[in-house]
C-alpha atoms as a PDB file:
ATOM      1  CA  MET A   1      12.703  -7.229  28.652  1.00  0.00           C
ATOM      2  CA  SER A   2      14.767 -10.382  28.900  1.00  0.00           C
ATOM      3  CA  ARG A   3      13.480 -12.079  25.763  1.00  0.00           C
ATOM      4  CA  GLY A   4      10.583 -12.119  23.368  1.00  0.00           C
ATOM      5  CA  ILE A   5       9.172 -10.312  20.377  1.00  0.00           C
ATOM      6  CA  LEU A   6       6.644  -7.502  20.601  1.00  0.00           C
ATOM      7  CA  ALA A   7       5.052  -6.319  17.375  1.00  0.00           C
ATOM      8  CA  THR A   8       3.026  -3.133  17.118  1.00  0.00           C
ATOM      9  CA  ILE A   9       0.741  -3.181  14.098  1.00  0.00           C
ATOM     10  CA  TYR A  10      -1.272  -0.259  12.754  1.00  0.00           C
ATOM     11  CA  VAL A  11      -4.295  -1.167  10.642  1.00  0.00           C
ATOM     12  CA  ARG A  12      -6.533   1.062   8.547  1.00  0.00           C
ATOM     13  CA  LEU A  13     -10.122   0.105   9.154  1.00  0.00           C
ATOM     14  CA  VAL A  14     -12.542  -0.337   6.279  1.00  0.00           C
ATOM     15  CA  ASP A  15     -15.896   1.420   6.322  1.00  0.00           C
ATOM     16  CA  GLY A  16     -18.388  -0.200   8.635  1.00  0.00           C
ATOM     17  CA  HIS A  17     -15.778  -1.546  11.058  1.00  0.00           C
ATOM     18  CA  ASP A  18     -14.355  -0.161  14.247  1.00  0.00           C
ATOM     19  CA  ALA A  19     -11.826  -1.421  16.793  1.00  0.00           C
ATOM     20  CA  ARG A  20     -14.423  -3.444  18.702  1.00  0.00           C
ATOM     21  CA  SER A  21     -15.685  -5.249  15.600  1.00  0.00           C
ATOM     22  CA  ALA A  22     -12.106  -6.000  14.532  1.00  0.00           C
ATOM     23  CA  HIS A  23     -11.438  -7.392  18.015  1.00  0.00           C
ATOM     24  CA  ALA A  24     -14.516  -9.619  17.734  1.00  0.00           C
ATOM     25  CA  ILE A  25     -13.328 -10.924  14.349  1.00  0.00           C
ATOM     26  CA  LEU A  26      -9.855 -11.746  15.713  1.00  0.00           C
ATOM     27  CA  ALA A  27     -11.282 -13.364  18.846  1.00  0.00           C
ATOM     28  CA  ALA A  28     -13.577 -15.574  16.753  1.00  0.00           C
ATOM     29  CA  ALA A  29     -10.799 -16.494  14.314  1.00  0.00           C
ATOM     30  CA  TYR A  30      -8.456 -17.662  17.091  1.00  0.00           C
ATOM     31  CA  ALA A  31     -11.021 -19.055  19.549  1.00  0.00           C
ATOM     32  CA  SER A  32     -10.059 -22.671  18.867  1.00  0.00           C
ATOM     33  CA  GLU A  33      -6.294 -22.143  18.629  1.00  0.00           C
ATOM     34  CA  PRO A  34      -4.572 -23.529  21.735  1.00  0.00           C
ATOM     35  CA  PHE A  35      -1.509 -21.271  21.491  1.00  0.00           C
ATOM     36  CA  VAL A  36      -3.124 -17.935  20.608  1.00  0.00           C
ATOM     37  CA  ARG A  37      -4.790 -15.723  23.196  1.00  0.00           C
ATOM     38  CA  VAL A  38      -6.776 -12.690  22.121  1.00  0.00           C
ATOM     39  CA  LEU A  39      -6.994 -10.527  25.219  1.00  0.00           C
ATOM     40  CA  PRO A  40     -10.155  -8.665  26.237  1.00  0.00           C
ATOM     41  CA  TYR A  41     -10.731  -5.503  24.248  1.00  0.00           C
ATOM     42  CA  ALA A  42      -8.281  -2.656  24.986  1.00  0.00           C
ATOM     43  CA  GLN A  43      -5.912  -4.838  27.051  1.00  0.00           C
ATOM     44  CA  LEU A  44      -2.395  -4.908  25.639  1.00  0.00           C
ATOM     45  CA  PRO A  45       0.033  -7.773  26.252  1.00  0.00           C
ATOM     46  CA  ALA A  46       3.649  -7.644  27.388  1.00  0.00           C
ATOM     47  CA  THR A  47       6.401 -10.154  26.653  1.00  0.00           C
ATOM     48  CA  ARG A  48       6.457 -11.199  30.315  1.00  0.00           C
ATOM     49  CA  HIS A  49       2.937 -12.612  29.820  1.00  0.00           C
ATOM     50  CA  VAL A  50       4.226 -15.291  27.413  1.00  0.00           C
ATOM     51  CA  ARG A  51       7.787 -15.875  28.660  1.00  0.00           C
ATOM     52  CA  GLY A  52       8.691 -19.557  28.619  1.00  0.00           C
ATOM     53  CA  SER A  53       5.566 -20.597  26.714  1.00  0.00           C
ATOM     54  CA  ASN A  54       4.474 -21.425  23.186  1.00  0.00           C
ATOM     55  CA  LEU A  55       1.745 -18.770  23.401  1.00  0.00           C
ATOM     56  CA  CYS A  56       1.129 -15.735  21.240  1.00  0.00           C
ATOM     57  CA  ALA A  57      -0.921 -13.026  22.961  1.00  0.00           C
ATOM     58  CA  ILE A  58      -2.784 -10.429  20.912  1.00  0.00           C
ATOM     59  CA  GLY A  59      -4.261  -7.165  22.119  1.00  0.00           C
ATOM     60  CA  VAL A  60      -6.522  -4.817  20.163  1.00  0.00           C
ATOM     61  CA  HIS A  61      -6.901  -1.155  20.995  1.00  0.00           C
ATOM     62  CA  GLU A  62      -8.438   1.856  19.308  1.00  0.00           C
ATOM     63  CA  SER A  63      -5.817   4.151  17.807  1.00  0.00           C
ATOM     64  CA  ARG A  64      -5.716   7.891  18.422  1.00  0.00           C
ATOM     65  CA  VAL A  65      -5.814   8.306  14.650  1.00  0.00           C
ATOM     66  CA  PRO A  66      -9.395   8.110  13.365  1.00  0.00           C
ATOM     67  CA  GLY A  67     -10.008   5.085  11.159  1.00  0.00           C
ATOM     68  CA  GLN A  68      -7.009   3.184  12.518  1.00  0.00           C
ATOM     69  CA  LEU A  69      -6.616   0.234  14.834  1.00  0.00           C
ATOM     70  CA  LEU A  70      -3.681  -0.728  17.012  1.00  0.00           C
ATOM     71  CA  ILE A  71      -2.783  -4.420  17.418  1.00  0.00           C
ATOM     72  CA  VAL A  72       0.012  -5.569  19.719  1.00  0.00           C
ATOM     73  CA  SER A  73       1.225  -9.160  19.626  1.00  0.00           C
ATOM     74  CA  VAL A  74       3.852 -10.808  21.812  1.00  0.00           C
ATOM     75  CA  LEU A  75       5.607 -14.157  21.836  1.00  0.00           C
ATOM     76  CA  ASP A  76       8.634 -15.817  23.394  1.00  0.00           C
ATOM     77  CA  ASN A  77      10.983 -16.326  20.483  1.00  0.00           C
ATOM     78  CA  LEU A  78      12.947 -19.018  22.351  1.00  0.00           C
ATOM     79  CA  VAL A  79       9.930 -21.297  22.771  1.00  0.00           C
ATOM     80  CA  LYS A  80       7.457 -20.134  20.126  1.00  0.00           C
ATOM     81  CA  GLY A  81      10.392 -19.873  17.718  1.00  0.00           C
ATOM     82  CA  ALA A  82      12.239 -22.895  16.364  1.00  0.00           C
ATOM     83  CA  ALA A  83      11.960 -25.086  19.488  1.00  0.00           C
ATOM     84  CA  GLY A  84       8.185 -24.837  19.839  1.00  0.00           C
ATOM     85  CA  GLN A  85       7.736 -25.139  16.086  1.00  0.00           C
ATOM     86  CA  ALA A  86       9.807 -28.337  16.066  1.00  0.00           C
ATOM     87  CA  VAL A  87       7.692 -29.900  18.826  1.00  0.00           C
ATOM     88  CA  GLN A  88       4.457 -28.802  17.153  1.00  0.00           C
ATOM     89  CA  ASN A  89       5.594 -30.304  13.832  1.00  0.00           C
ATOM     90  CA  LEU A  90       6.603 -33.541  15.563  1.00  0.00           C
ATOM     91  CA  ASN A  91       3.145 -33.704  17.135  1.00  0.00           C
ATOM     92  CA  LEU A  92       1.533 -33.183  13.739  1.00  0.00           C
ATOM     93  CA  LEU A  93       3.773 -35.762  12.055  1.00  0.00           C
ATOM     94  CA  PHE A  94       3.072 -38.480  14.630  1.00  0.00           C
ATOM     95  CA  GLY A  95      -0.594 -37.683  15.249  1.00  0.00           C
ATOM     96  CA  PHE A  96      -0.171 -36.374  18.799  1.00  0.00           C
ATOM     97  CA  ALA A  97      -2.269 -33.561  20.217  1.00  0.00           C
ATOM     98  CA  ASP A  98      -1.031 -30.102  19.155  1.00  0.00           C
ATOM     99  CA  THR A  99      -0.371 -29.241  22.776  1.00  0.00           C
ATOM    100  CA  ALA A 100       1.664 -32.354  23.694  1.00  0.00           C
ATOM    101  CA  GLY A 101       4.925 -31.290  25.303  1.00  0.00           C
ATOM    102  CA  LEU A 102       4.030 -27.616  25.009  1.00  0.00           C
ATOM    103  CA  GLY A 103       2.372 -26.723  28.285  1.00  0.00           C
ATOM    104  CA  PRO A 104       0.414 -23.490  27.911  1.00  0.00           C
ATOM    105  CA  ILE A 105       1.407 -22.049  31.311  1.00  0.00           C
ATOM    106  CA  PRO A 106       3.969 -19.247  30.900  1.00  0.00           C
ATOM    107  CA  LEU A 107       6.714 -18.422  33.370  1.00  0.00           C
ATOM    108  CA  PHE A 108       6.019 -15.292  35.329  1.00  0.00           C
ATOM    109  CA  PRO A 109       7.602 -12.798  35.833  1.00  0.00           C
END
C-alpha cells in the first residue's frame, strides 16, 4: 500500500435490519454525493481503487458474528485529505460545481 487510509468498522445491527438493508440505507444516503461510492453488496474496496482521487469508497459485508455488520471505507489521504478539502471549499466559496478541479477518475494501479 503506497498511500491511503483504510478503515474497518464493525457495527451492531438493530432488530429488523440485516447487512443488506444497511447497505441499501448507505447506498441511498450517498447516491447523490459525487465523491462517495458505495460498492455493490459484499464487495470490499482497496486503497488502490481511490489512489489519486477525491473519492471515498465504501463496502458493506455481513460479519461472521451474528448481529454485526462489517463496513470498509478507503480514501487517498493525499487528495481527499487537506488538498481535496481545500479545492472543495474553494468551489463552495465561489459557487463552482463541487467537482470542479477534482476529477473523479482515480489512478490505477
